[in-house]
PDB file of N, CA and C in Angstrom:
ATOM      1  N   MET A   1      98.592 111.970  91.605  1.00  0.00           N
ATOM      2  CA  MET A   1      98.824 111.041  91.148  1.00  0.00           C
ATOM      3  C   MET A   1      99.420 109.962  92.132  1.00  0.00           C
ATOM      4  N   GLY A   2      99.927 110.282  92.508  1.00  0.00           N
ATOM      5  CA  GLY A   2     101.123 109.735  93.494  1.00  0.00           C
ATOM      6  C   GLY A   2     100.600 109.256  94.531  1.00  0.00           C
ATOM      7  N   ASN A   3     100.014 110.009  95.058  1.00  0.00           N
ATOM      8  CA  ASN A   3      99.976 109.896  96.787  1.00  0.00           C
ATOM      9  C   ASN A   3      98.624 109.806  96.827  1.00  0.00           C
ATOM     10  N   GLN A   4      97.438 108.966  95.981  1.00  0.00           N
ATOM     11  CA  GLN A   4      96.900 108.124  96.185  1.00  0.00           C
ATOM     12  C   GLN A   4      97.325 106.924  96.892  1.00  0.00           C
ATOM     13  N   LYS A   5      95.890 106.709  97.269  1.00  0.00           N
ATOM     14  CA  LYS A   5      96.355 105.209  98.491  1.00  0.00           C
ATOM     15  C   LYS A   5      94.829 104.897  98.534  1.00  0.00           C
ATOM     16  N   SER A   6      95.245 103.332  98.838  1.00  0.00           N
ATOM     17  CA  SER A   6      93.655 102.394  98.776  1.00  0.00           C
ATOM     18  C   SER A   6      94.210 101.497  99.830  1.00  0.00           C
ATOM     19  N   ASN A   7      92.782 100.898 100.173  1.00  0.00           N
ATOM     20  CA  ASN A   7      93.726 100.283 101.414  1.00  0.00           C
ATOM     21  C   ASN A   7      92.457  98.932 101.843  1.00  0.00           C
ATOM     22  N   ILE A   8      92.793  97.730 101.585  1.00  0.00           N
ATOM     23  CA  ILE A   8      92.491  96.221 101.717  1.00  0.00           C
ATOM     24  C   ILE A   8      92.595  95.587 103.115  1.00  0.00           C
ATOM     25  N   ASN A   9      91.330  95.517 104.191  1.00  0.00           N
ATOM     26  CA  ASN A   9      91.205  95.355 105.865  1.00  0.00           C
ATOM     27  C   ASN A   9      90.859  94.036 105.614  1.00  0.00           C
ATOM     28  N   ILE A  10      91.356  93.573 106.614  1.00  0.00           N
ATOM     29  CA  ILE A  10      91.392  91.785 106.731  1.00  0.00           C
ATOM     30  C   ILE A  10      90.635  91.302 108.728  1.00  0.00           C
ATOM     31  N   GLU A  11      89.645  91.679 109.272  1.00  0.00           N
ATOM     32  CA  GLU A  11      89.667  91.647 110.417  1.00  0.00           C
ATOM     33  C   GLU A  11      89.418  90.106 110.187  1.00  0.00           C
ATOM     34  N   VAL A  12      90.072  89.146 111.564  1.00  0.00           N
ATOM     35  CA  VAL A  12      90.313  87.866 111.775  1.00  0.00           C
ATOM     36  C   VAL A  12      89.281  87.925 113.452  1.00  0.00           C
ATOM     37  N   SER A  13      88.701  87.384 113.347  1.00  0.00           N
ATOM     38  CA  SER A  13      87.945  87.384 114.671  1.00  0.00           C
ATOM     39  C   SER A  13      88.147  85.613 115.595  1.00  0.00           C
ATOM     40  N   VAL A  14      89.174  85.648 116.579  1.00  0.00           N
ATOM     41  CA  VAL A  14      89.372  84.300 116.956  1.00  0.00           C
ATOM     42  C   VAL A  14      88.957  84.199 118.201  1.00  0.00           C
ATOM     43  N   ASP A  15      89.181  82.698 118.505  1.00  0.00           N
ATOM     44  CA  ASP A  15      88.779  82.217 119.470  1.00  0.00           C
ATOM     45  C   ASP A  15      89.692  81.835 120.770  1.00  0.00           C
ATOM     46  N   GLU A  16      89.560  81.378 122.165  1.00  0.00           N
ATOM     47  CA  GLU A  16      90.216  81.515 123.425  1.00  0.00           C
ATOM     48  C   GLU A  16      91.454  80.608 122.495  1.00  0.00           C
ATOM     49  N   ASN A  17      91.656  79.802 121.608  1.00  0.00           N
ATOM     50  CA  ASN A  17      93.223  78.930 121.100  1.00  0.00           C
ATOM     51  C   ASN A  17      93.205  79.856 119.407  1.00  0.00           C
ATOM     52  N   LYS A  18      92.848  80.493 119.445  1.00  0.00           N
ATOM     53  CA  LYS A  18      93.273  81.989 118.447  1.00  0.00           C
ATOM     54  C   LYS A  18      93.369  81.185 117.116  1.00  0.00           C
ATOM     55  N   VAL A  19      91.737  80.224 117.108  1.00  0.00           N
ATOM     56  CA  VAL A  19      91.999  79.650 115.730  1.00  0.00           C
ATOM     57  C   VAL A  19      90.904  80.359 115.342  1.00  0.00           C
ATOM     58  N   PRO A  20      90.616  80.691 113.540  1.00  0.00           N
ATOM     59  CA  PRO A  20      89.822  81.828 113.562  1.00  0.00           C
ATOM     60  C   PRO A  20      88.299  81.518 113.495  1.00  0.00           C
ATOM     61  N   GLU A  21      87.013  82.282 113.982  1.00  0.00           N
ATOM     62  CA  GLU A  21      85.535  82.196 113.726  1.00  0.00           C
ATOM     63  C   GLU A  21      85.126  82.716 113.269  1.00  0.00           C
ATOM     64  N   LYS A  22      85.312  83.627 112.485  1.00  0.00           N
ATOM     65  CA  LYS A  22      84.908  84.648 111.531  1.00  0.00           C
ATOM     66  C   LYS A  22      86.252  85.636 110.895  1.00  0.00           C
ATOM     67  N   LEU A  23      85.462  85.702 109.589  1.00  0.00           N
ATOM     68  CA  LEU A  23      87.132  86.621 109.086  1.00  0.00           C
ATOM     69  C   LEU A  23      85.874  87.602 107.904  1.00  0.00           C
ATOM     70  N   HIS A  24      85.869  88.805 108.190  1.00  0.00           N
ATOM     71  CA  HIS A  24      85.404  89.921 107.390  1.00  0.00           C
ATOM     72  C   HIS A  24      87.106  90.378 106.199  1.00  0.00           C
ATOM     73  N   TRP A  25      86.324  91.097 105.648  1.00  0.00           N
ATOM     74  CA  TRP A  25      87.017  92.472 104.479  1.00  0.00           C
ATOM     75  C   TRP A  25      86.711  93.480 103.696  1.00  0.00           C
ATOM     76  N   THR A  26      87.432  94.191 103.682  1.00  0.00           N
ATOM     77  CA  THR A  26      86.817  95.054 103.650  1.00  0.00           C
ATOM     78  C   THR A  26      87.614  96.113 102.319  1.00  0.00           C
ATOM     79  N   ALA A  27      87.601  96.236 100.863  1.00  0.00           N
ATOM     80  CA  ALA A  27      88.611  96.897 100.075  1.00  0.00           C
ATOM     81  C   ALA A  27      87.263  97.641  99.666  1.00  0.00           C
ATOM     82  N   LYS A  28      87.018  99.272 100.194  1.00  0.00           N
ATOM     83  CA  LYS A  28      85.709 100.351  99.771  1.00  0.00           C
ATOM     84  C   LYS A  28      86.302 100.413  98.601  1.00  0.00           C
ATOM     85  N   ASP A  29      86.954 100.123  97.604  1.00  0.00           N
ATOM     86  CA  ASP A  29      88.032 101.129  96.201  1.00  0.00           C
ATOM     87  C   ASP A  29      87.169 100.091  95.937  1.00  0.00           C
ATOM     88  N   GLY A  30      86.943  99.004  95.938  1.00  0.00           N
ATOM     89  CA  GLY A  30      86.083  97.928  95.250  1.00  0.00           C
ATOM     90  C   GLY A  30      84.518  97.537  95.182  1.00  0.00           C
ATOM     91  N   GLY A  31      84.235  98.092  96.468  1.00  0.00           N
ATOM     92  CA  GLY A  31      82.746  98.550  96.537  1.00  0.00           C
ATOM     93  C   GLY A  31      82.479  97.513  97.409  1.00  0.00           C
ATOM     94  N   VAL A  32      83.250  97.218  98.831  1.00  0.00           N
ATOM     95  CA  VAL A  32      83.428  95.701  99.803  1.00  0.00           C
ATOM     96  C   VAL A  32      83.859  96.443 100.908  1.00  0.00           C
ATOM     97  N   ASP A  33      82.221  96.396 101.986  1.00  0.00           N
ATOM     98  CA  ASP A  33      82.621  96.843 103.375  1.00  0.00           C
ATOM     99  C   ASP A  33      82.326  95.371 104.112  1.00  0.00           C
ATOM    100  N   LYS A  34      83.247  94.763 104.782  1.00  0.00           N
ATOM    101  CA  LYS A  34      82.984  94.245 105.861  1.00  0.00           C
ATOM    102  C   LYS A  34      82.042  93.173 105.904  1.00  0.00           C
ATOM    103  N   ALA A  35      82.612  92.674 103.967  1.00  0.00           N
ATOM    104  CA  ALA A  35      81.927  91.550 103.698  1.00  0.00           C
ATOM    105  C   ALA A  35      83.063  89.947 104.315  1.00  0.00           C
ATOM    106  N   GLU A  36      81.347  88.868 104.804  1.00  0.00           N
ATOM    107  CA  GLU A  36      82.440  88.047 105.582  1.00  0.00           C
ATOM    108  C   GLU A  36      82.479  86.810 104.871  1.00  0.00           C
ATOM    109  N   ALA A  37      83.645  86.506 105.020  1.00  0.00           N
ATOM    110  CA  ALA A  37      84.548  85.019 104.149  1.00  0.00           C
ATOM    111  C   ALA A  37      84.835  84.473 105.264  1.00  0.00           C
ATOM    112  N   LYS A  38      84.951  83.178 104.467  1.00  0.00           N
ATOM    113  CA  LYS A  38      85.276  81.664 105.382  1.00  0.00           C
ATOM    114  C   LYS A  38      86.927  81.282 105.355  1.00  0.00           C
ATOM    115  N   ALA A  39      87.347  81.845 104.639  1.00  0.00           N
ATOM    116  CA  ALA A  39      88.311  81.168 103.841  1.00  0.00           C
ATOM    117  C   ALA A  39      90.115  83.188 103.333  1.00  0.00           C
ATOM    118  N   VAL A  40      91.277  83.026 103.591  1.00  0.00           N
ATOM    119  CA  VAL A  40      91.820  83.878 102.689  1.00  0.00           C
ATOM    120  C   VAL A  40      93.316  83.394 102.781  1.00  0.00           C
ATOM    121  N   PHE A  41      93.588  83.349 101.244  1.00  0.00           N
ATOM    122  CA  PHE A  41      95.099  82.932 100.611  1.00  0.00           C
ATOM    123  C   PHE A  41      95.208  84.537 101.264  1.00  0.00           C
ATOM    124  N   LEU A  42      96.733  85.578 100.976  1.00  0.00           N
ATOM    125  CA  LEU A  42      97.362  85.710 100.706  1.00  0.00           C
ATOM    126  C   LEU A  42      98.966  85.783 100.887  1.00  0.00           C
ATOM    127  N   ASN A  43      99.240  85.800  99.684  1.00  0.00           N
ATOM    128  CA  ASN A  43     100.571  85.791  99.260  1.00  0.00           C
ATOM    129  C   ASN A  43     101.310  87.527  99.320  1.00  0.00           C
ATOM    130  N   VAL A  44     102.510  87.912  99.610  1.00  0.00           N
ATOM    131  CA  VAL A  44     103.095  89.242  99.543  1.00  0.00           C
ATOM    132  C   VAL A  44     104.757  88.451  98.672  1.00  0.00           C
ATOM    133  N   TRP A  45     105.085  89.557  98.031  1.00  0.00           N
ATOM    134  CA  TRP A  45     106.821  89.160  97.724  1.00  0.00           C
ATOM    135  C   TRP A  45     107.435  89.797  98.399  1.00  0.00           C
ATOM    136  N   ASP A  46     108.343  89.146  99.400  1.00  0.00           N
ATOM    137  CA  ASP A  46     109.550  90.192  99.688  1.00  0.00           C
ATOM    138  C   ASP A  46     110.818  90.295  98.475  1.00  0.00           C
ATOM    139  N   HIS A  47     110.985  91.468  98.117  1.00  0.00           N
ATOM    140  CA  HIS A  47     112.245  91.552  97.574  1.00  0.00           C
ATOM    141  C   HIS A  47     112.810  91.668  97.813  1.00  0.00           C
ATOM    142  N   ASN A  48     113.204  92.105  99.025  1.00  0.00           N
ATOM    143  CA  ASN A  48     114.682  92.160  99.691  1.00  0.00           C
ATOM    144  C   ASN A  48     115.046  90.351  99.728  1.00  0.00           C
ATOM    145  N   LYS A  49     114.675  89.606 100.152  1.00  0.00           N
ATOM    146  CA  LYS A  49     114.916  88.239 100.675  1.00  0.00           C
ATOM    147  C   LYS A  49     114.486  87.430  99.574  1.00  0.00           C
ATOM    148  N   ARG A  50     113.810  87.944  98.349  1.00  0.00           N
ATOM    149  CA  ARG A  50     113.612  86.798  97.433  1.00  0.00           C
ATOM    150  C   ARG A  50     112.686  85.766  97.822  1.00  0.00           C
ATOM    151  N   GLU A  51     111.752  85.669  98.628  1.00  0.00           N
ATOM    152  CA  GLU A  51     110.225  85.650  99.021  1.00  0.00           C
ATOM    153  C   GLU A  51     109.427  86.117  98.790  1.00  0.00           C
ATOM    154  N   SER A  52     108.798  84.686  99.064  1.00  0.00           N
ATOM    155  CA  SER A  52     106.805  84.739  98.568  1.00  0.00           C
ATOM    156  C   SER A  52     106.398  84.906 100.924  1.00  0.00           C
ATOM    157  N   LEU A  53     105.782  85.221 101.156  1.00  0.00           N
ATOM    158  CA  LEU A  53     105.542  85.737 102.729  1.00  0.00           C
ATOM    159  C   LEU A  53     103.971  85.146 102.611  1.00  0.00           C
ATOM    160  N   ARG A  54     103.173  83.871 103.286  1.00  0.00           N
ATOM    161  CA  ARG A  54     102.386  84.211 102.852  1.00  0.00           C
ATOM    162  C   ARG A  54     101.543  84.052 104.218  1.00  0.00           C
ATOM    163  N   ILE A  55      99.646  84.485 104.082  1.00  0.00           N
ATOM    164  CA  ILE A  55      99.102  84.105 105.833  1.00  0.00           C
ATOM    165  C   ILE A  55      97.667  82.934 105.152  1.00  0.00           C
ATOM    166  N   ASP A  56      97.498  82.534 105.067  1.00  0.00           N
ATOM    167  CA  ASP A  56      96.572  81.259 105.067  1.00  0.00           C
ATOM    168  C   ASP A  56      95.655  81.177 106.373  1.00  0.00           C
ATOM    169  N   LEU A  57      94.264  81.945 106.193  1.00  0.00           N
ATOM    170  CA  LEU A  57      93.214  81.481 107.222  1.00  0.00           C
ATOM    171  C   LEU A  57      91.997  80.971 106.597  1.00  0.00           C
ATOM    172  N   TRP A  58      91.272  80.442 107.523  1.00  0.00           N
ATOM    173  CA  TRP A  58      90.075  79.883 107.190  1.00  0.00           C
ATOM    174  C   TRP A  58      89.443  79.903 108.508  1.00  0.00           C
ATOM    175  N   THR A  59      87.892  79.642 108.900  1.00  0.00           N
ATOM    176  CA  THR A  59      87.323  79.693 110.157  1.00  0.00           C
ATOM    177  C   THR A  59      86.684  78.195 110.195  1.00  0.00           C
ATOM    178  N   LYS A  60      86.879  77.656 111.284  1.00  0.00           N
ATOM    179  CA  LYS A  60      86.308  76.092 111.754  1.00  0.00           C
ATOM    180  C   LYS A  60      85.156  76.078 110.954  1.00  0.00           C
ATOM    181  N   ASP A  61      84.266  77.093 110.602  1.00  0.00           N
ATOM    182  CA  ASP A  61      83.089  76.378 110.324  1.00  0.00           C
ATOM    183  C   ASP A  61      83.195  76.532 108.352  1.00  0.00           C
ATOM    184  N   MET A  62      85.070  76.274 108.276  1.00  0.00           N
ATOM    185  CA  MET A  62      84.567  76.537 106.442  1.00  0.00           C
ATOM    186  C   MET A  62      84.584  74.924 106.174  1.00  0.00           C
ATOM    187  N   PRO A  63      83.201  74.351 105.267  1.00  0.00           N
ATOM    188  CA  PRO A  63      82.820  73.989 104.887  1.00  0.00           C
ATOM    189  C   PRO A  63      84.486  73.194 103.768  1.00  0.00           C
ATOM    190  N   LEU A  64      84.412  71.627 104.562  1.00  0.00           N
ATOM    191  CA  LEU A  64      85.230  70.881 103.705  1.00  0.00           C
ATOM    192  C   LEU A  64      85.633  70.592 102.480  1.00  0.00           C
ATOM    193  N   ASP A  65      83.900  70.311 101.666  1.00  0.00           N
ATOM    194  CA  ASP A  65      83.994  70.647  99.733  1.00  0.00           C
ATOM    195  C   ASP A  65      84.164  71.775  99.640  1.00  0.00           C
ATOM    196  N   ASP A  66      83.652  73.091 100.493  1.00  0.00           N
ATOM    197  CA  ASP A  66      83.952  74.534 100.217  1.00  0.00           C
ATOM    198  C   ASP A  66      85.567  74.686  99.794  1.00  0.00           C
ATOM    199  N   MET A  67      86.265  74.752 100.287  1.00  0.00           N
ATOM    200  CA  MET A  67      87.884  74.519 100.625  1.00  0.00           C
ATOM    201  C   MET A  67      88.414  73.675  98.905  1.00  0.00           C
ATOM    202  N   LYS A  68      87.870  72.414  99.058  1.00  0.00           N
ATOM    203  CA  LYS A  68      88.198  72.236  97.973  1.00  0.00           C
ATOM    204  C   LYS A  68      88.046  72.705  97.280  1.00  0.00           C
ATOM    205  N   ILE A  69      87.437  73.353  96.580  1.00  0.00           N
ATOM    206  CA  ILE A  69      86.530  74.083  95.834  1.00  0.00           C
ATOM    207  C   ILE A  69      87.681  75.643  95.794  1.00  0.00           C
ATOM    208  N   PHE A  70      87.695  75.871  96.783  1.00  0.00           N
ATOM    209  CA  PHE A  70      88.652  77.354  97.026  1.00  0.00           C
ATOM    210  C   PHE A  70      90.012  76.937  96.191  1.00  0.00           C
ATOM    211  N   PHE A  71      90.362  75.980  96.537  1.00  0.00           N
ATOM    212  CA  PHE A  71      92.052  75.846  96.177  1.00  0.00           C
ATOM    213  C   PHE A  71      91.841  75.956  94.740  1.00  0.00           C
ATOM    214  N   HIS A  72      90.764  74.794  94.381  1.00  0.00           N
ATOM    215  CA  HIS A  72      90.389  74.756  92.867  1.00  0.00           C
ATOM    216  C   HIS A  72      90.873  75.859  92.217  1.00  0.00           C
ATOM    217  N   GLN A  73      89.585  76.931  92.400  1.00  0.00           N
ATOM    218  CA  GLN A  73      89.363  77.841  91.807  1.00  0.00           C
ATOM    219  C   GLN A  73      90.874  78.796  92.017  1.00  0.00           C
ATOM    220  N   THR A  74      91.856  78.813  93.106  1.00  0.00           N
ATOM    221  CA  THR A  74      93.285  79.488  93.002  1.00  0.00           C
ATOM    222  C   THR A  74      93.655  78.766  92.204  1.00  0.00           C
ATOM    223  N   LEU A  75      93.924  77.580  92.226  1.00  0.00           N
ATOM    224  CA  LEU A  75      94.938  77.337  91.398  1.00  0.00           C
ATOM    225  C   LEU A  75      95.126  77.551  90.071  1.00  0.00           C
ATOM    226  N   GLN A  76      93.772  77.339  89.475  1.00  0.00           N
ATOM    227  CA  GLN A  76      92.530  78.613  88.458  1.00  0.00           C
ATOM    228  C   GLN A  76      93.420  80.156  87.972  1.00  0.00           C
ATOM    229  N   ALA A  77      93.217  80.500  89.134  1.00  0.00           N
ATOM    230  CA  ALA A  77      93.157  82.444  88.986  1.00  0.00           C
ATOM    231  C   ALA A  77      94.729  82.359  89.629  1.00  0.00           C
ATOM    232  N   MET A  78      95.679  81.577  89.354  1.00  0.00           N
ATOM    233  CA  MET A  78      97.321  81.474  89.596  1.00  0.00           C
ATOM    234  C   MET A  78      98.016  81.094  88.329  1.00  0.00           C
ATOM    235  N   ALA A  79      97.336  80.703  87.263  1.00  0.00           N
ATOM    236  CA  ALA A  79      97.201  80.045  86.361  1.00  0.00           C
ATOM    237  C   ALA A  79      97.200  81.159  85.306  1.00  0.00           C
ATOM    238  N   ASP A  80      95.735  82.049  85.628  1.00  0.00           N
ATOM    239  CA  ASP A  80      95.583  82.966  84.602  1.00  0.00           C
ATOM    240  C   ASP A  80      96.756  84.265  85.192  1.00  0.00           C
ATOM    241  N   THR A  81      97.033  84.698  86.221  1.00  0.00           N
ATOM    242  CA  THR A  81      97.632  85.661  86.829  1.00  0.00           C
ATOM    243  C   THR A  81      98.948  85.397  86.287  1.00  0.00           C
ATOM    244  N   PHE A  82      99.844  84.069  86.331  1.00  0.00           N
ATOM    245  CA  PHE A  82     100.917  83.690  85.576  1.00  0.00           C
ATOM    246  C   PHE A  82     101.136  83.985  84.150  1.00  0.00           C
ATOM    247  N   GLU A  83      99.827  84.341  83.462  1.00  0.00           N
ATOM    248  CA  GLU A  83     100.683  84.186  82.428  1.00  0.00           C
ATOM    249  C   GLU A  83     100.482  85.329  81.974  1.00  0.00           C
ATOM    250  N   ARG A  84      99.066  86.126  82.661  1.00  0.00           N
ATOM    251  CA  ARG A  84      99.033  87.819  82.490  1.00  0.00           C
ATOM    252  C   ARG A  84     100.428  88.095  83.041  1.00  0.00           C
ATOM    253  N   ALA A  85     101.715  87.793  83.728  1.00  0.00           N
ATOM    254  CA  ALA A  85     102.622  88.175  84.230  1.00  0.00           C
ATOM    255  C   ALA A  85     103.709  88.239  83.584  1.00  0.00           C
ATOM    256  N   THR A  86     103.765  86.732  82.961  1.00  0.00           N
ATOM    257  CA  THR A  86     104.778  86.615  82.514  1.00  0.00           C
ATOM    258  C   THR A  86     104.860  86.232  80.898  1.00  0.00           C
ATOM    259  N   SER A  87     103.693  86.242  80.311  1.00  0.00           N
ATOM    260  CA  SER A  87     103.264  85.861  79.097  1.00  0.00           C
ATOM    261  C   SER A  87     103.471  84.084  78.488  1.00  0.00           C
ATOM    262  N   ASP A  88     103.333  83.633  79.513  1.00  0.00           N
ATOM    263  CA  ASP A  88     104.107  82.335  79.369  1.00  0.00           C
ATOM    264  C   ASP A  88     102.712  81.546  79.550  1.00  0.00           C
ATOM    265  N   GLU A  89     103.088  81.733  77.952  1.00  0.00           N
ATOM    266  CA  GLU A  89     101.828  80.203  77.568  1.00  0.00           C
ATOM    267  C   GLU A  89     101.452  79.036  77.961  1.00  0.00           C
ATOM    268  N   LYS A  90     102.548  78.455  77.549  1.00  0.00           N
ATOM    269  CA  LYS A  90     102.968  76.893  77.456  1.00  0.00           C
ATOM    270  C   LYS A  90     102.637  77.032  79.187  1.00  0.00           C
ATOM    271  N   MET A  91     103.187  77.785  79.870  1.00  0.00           N
ATOM    272  CA  MET A  91     103.349  76.980  81.525  1.00  0.00           C
ATOM    273  C   MET A  91     101.862  76.835  82.023  1.00  0.00           C
ATOM    274  N   SER A  92     101.166  78.193  81.851  1.00  0.00           N
ATOM    275  CA  SER A  92     100.112  78.387  81.729  1.00  0.00           C
ATOM    276  C   SER A  92      99.278  77.648  81.924  1.00  0.00           C
ATOM    277  N   ALA A  93      99.419  76.774  80.480  1.00  0.00           N
ATOM    278  CA  ALA A  93      98.218  76.017  80.061  1.00  0.00           C
ATOM    279  C   ALA A  93      98.736  74.650  80.930  1.00  0.00           C
ATOM    280  N   THR A  94      99.826  74.765  81.170  1.00  0.00           N
ATOM    281  CA  THR A  94     100.406  72.919  81.916  1.00  0.00           C
ATOM    282  C   THR A  94      99.727  73.365  83.928  1.00  0.00           C
ATOM    283  N   MET A  95      99.458  74.711  84.158  1.00  0.00           N
ATOM    284  CA  MET A  95      99.440  74.602  85.295  1.00  0.00           C
ATOM    285  C   MET A  95      97.296  74.287  85.226  1.00  0.00           C
ATOM    286  N   ARG A  96      97.216  75.143  84.579  1.00  0.00           N
ATOM    287  CA  ARG A  96      95.779  74.827  84.135  1.00  0.00           C
ATOM    288  C   ARG A  96      95.133  73.089  84.345  1.00  0.00           C
ATOM    289  N   ASP A  97      95.699  72.796  83.338  1.00  0.00           N
ATOM    290  CA  ASP A  97      95.872  71.067  83.321  1.00  0.00           C
ATOM    291  C   ASP A  97      96.036  70.859  84.629  1.00  0.00           C
ATOM    292  N   PHE A  98      97.219  71.179  84.953  1.00  0.00           N
ATOM    293  CA  PHE A  98      97.190  70.511  86.835  1.00  0.00           C
ATOM    294  C   PHE A  98      95.950  70.816  87.393  1.00  0.00           C
ATOM    295  N   SER A  99      95.152  71.923  87.220  1.00  0.00           N
ATOM    296  CA  SER A  99      94.170  72.490  87.766  1.00  0.00           C
ATOM    297  C   SER A  99      93.126  71.326  87.938  1.00  0.00           C
ATOM    298  N   GLU A 100      92.976  71.391  86.692  1.00  0.00           N
ATOM    299  CA  GLU A 100      91.686  70.594  86.375  1.00  0.00           C
ATOM    300  C   GLU A 100      92.122  68.951  86.535  1.00  0.00           C
ATOM    301  N   TYR A 101      93.352  68.101  86.462  1.00  0.00           N
ATOM    302  CA  TYR A 101      93.535  67.146  87.162  1.00  0.00           C
ATOM    303  C   TYR A 101      93.167  66.761  88.993  1.00  0.00           C
ATOM    304  N   PHE A 102      92.918  67.988  89.240  1.00  0.00           N
ATOM    305  CA  PHE A 102      92.922  68.259  90.912  1.00  0.00           C
ATOM    306  C   PHE A 102      91.563  68.309  90.917  1.00  0.00           C
ATOM    307  N   ALA A 103      90.945  68.902  90.493  1.00  0.00           N
ATOM    308  CA  ALA A 103      89.277  69.077  90.312  1.00  0.00           C
ATOM    309  C   ALA A 103      88.876  67.439  90.307  1.00  0.00           C
ATOM    310  N   GLU A 104      89.409  66.905  88.887  1.00  0.00           N
ATOM    311  CA  GLU A 104      88.896  65.642  88.678  1.00  0.00           C
ATOM    312  C   GLU A 104      88.897  64.440  89.214  1.00  0.00           C
ATOM    313  N   LYS A 105      90.245  64.412  90.051  1.00  0.00           N
ATOM    314  CA  LYS A 105      90.499  63.229  91.001  1.00  0.00           C
ATOM    315  C   LYS A 105      89.401  63.909  92.493  1.00  0.00           C
ATOM    316  N   LEU A 106      89.219  65.485  92.645  1.00  0.00           N
ATOM    317  CA  LEU A 106      88.401  65.441  93.780  1.00  0.00           C
ATOM    318  C   LEU A 106      87.289  65.391  93.329  1.00  0.00           C
ATOM    319  N   GLU A 107      86.693  65.086  92.602  1.00  0.00           N
ATOM    320  CA  GLU A 107      85.592  64.939  91.804  1.00  0.00           C
ATOM    321  C   GLU A 107      84.321  66.037  92.014  1.00  0.00           C
ATOM    322  N   LEU A 108      84.890  67.030  91.978  1.00  0.00           N
ATOM    323  CA  LEU A 108      84.931  68.401  92.344  1.00  0.00           C
ATOM    324  C   LEU A 108      83.379  69.020  91.529  1.00  0.00           C
ATOM    325  N   TYR A 109      83.010  68.564  90.451  1.00  0.00           N
ATOM    326  CA  TYR A 109      81.980  68.893  89.197  1.00  0.00           C
ATOM    327  C   TYR A 109      82.103  67.916  88.604  1.00  0.00           C
ATOM    328  N   GLU A 110      80.334  67.712  88.435  1.00  0.00           N
ATOM    329  CA  GLU A 110      80.124  66.890  87.875  1.00  0.00           C
ATOM    330  C   GLU A 110      80.039  66.858  85.912  1.00  0.00           C
ATOM    331  N   LYS A 111      80.146  65.766  85.309  1.00  0.00           N
ATOM    332  CA  LYS A 111      80.474  65.623  84.052  1.00  0.00           C
ATOM    333  C   LYS A 111      79.673  65.572  83.329  1.00  0.00           C
TER     334      LYS A 111
END
């Protein structure tokens, strides 16, 4: 069992100024093979330094409205993950409240 591995790959095509033009990701175990994406947020925890390392990429043709929705959905997902990881329902609810406030202020969804 300990020898099983799974890979998630992100392929980034950049222009002459190293600005992402195309993003493709592959997660064979999840049934994804070179699927196109317009944005990727990747966070990795460095336990030795006790800090979060991140890669934030988006293509130059990522629509602004889609980026706002992407942020909102990421905030919601972070609240869900925080609750699963910590069982802290109160703080998770607070995070969801902020996420809804974020969506409301940006007028992301019709009432």
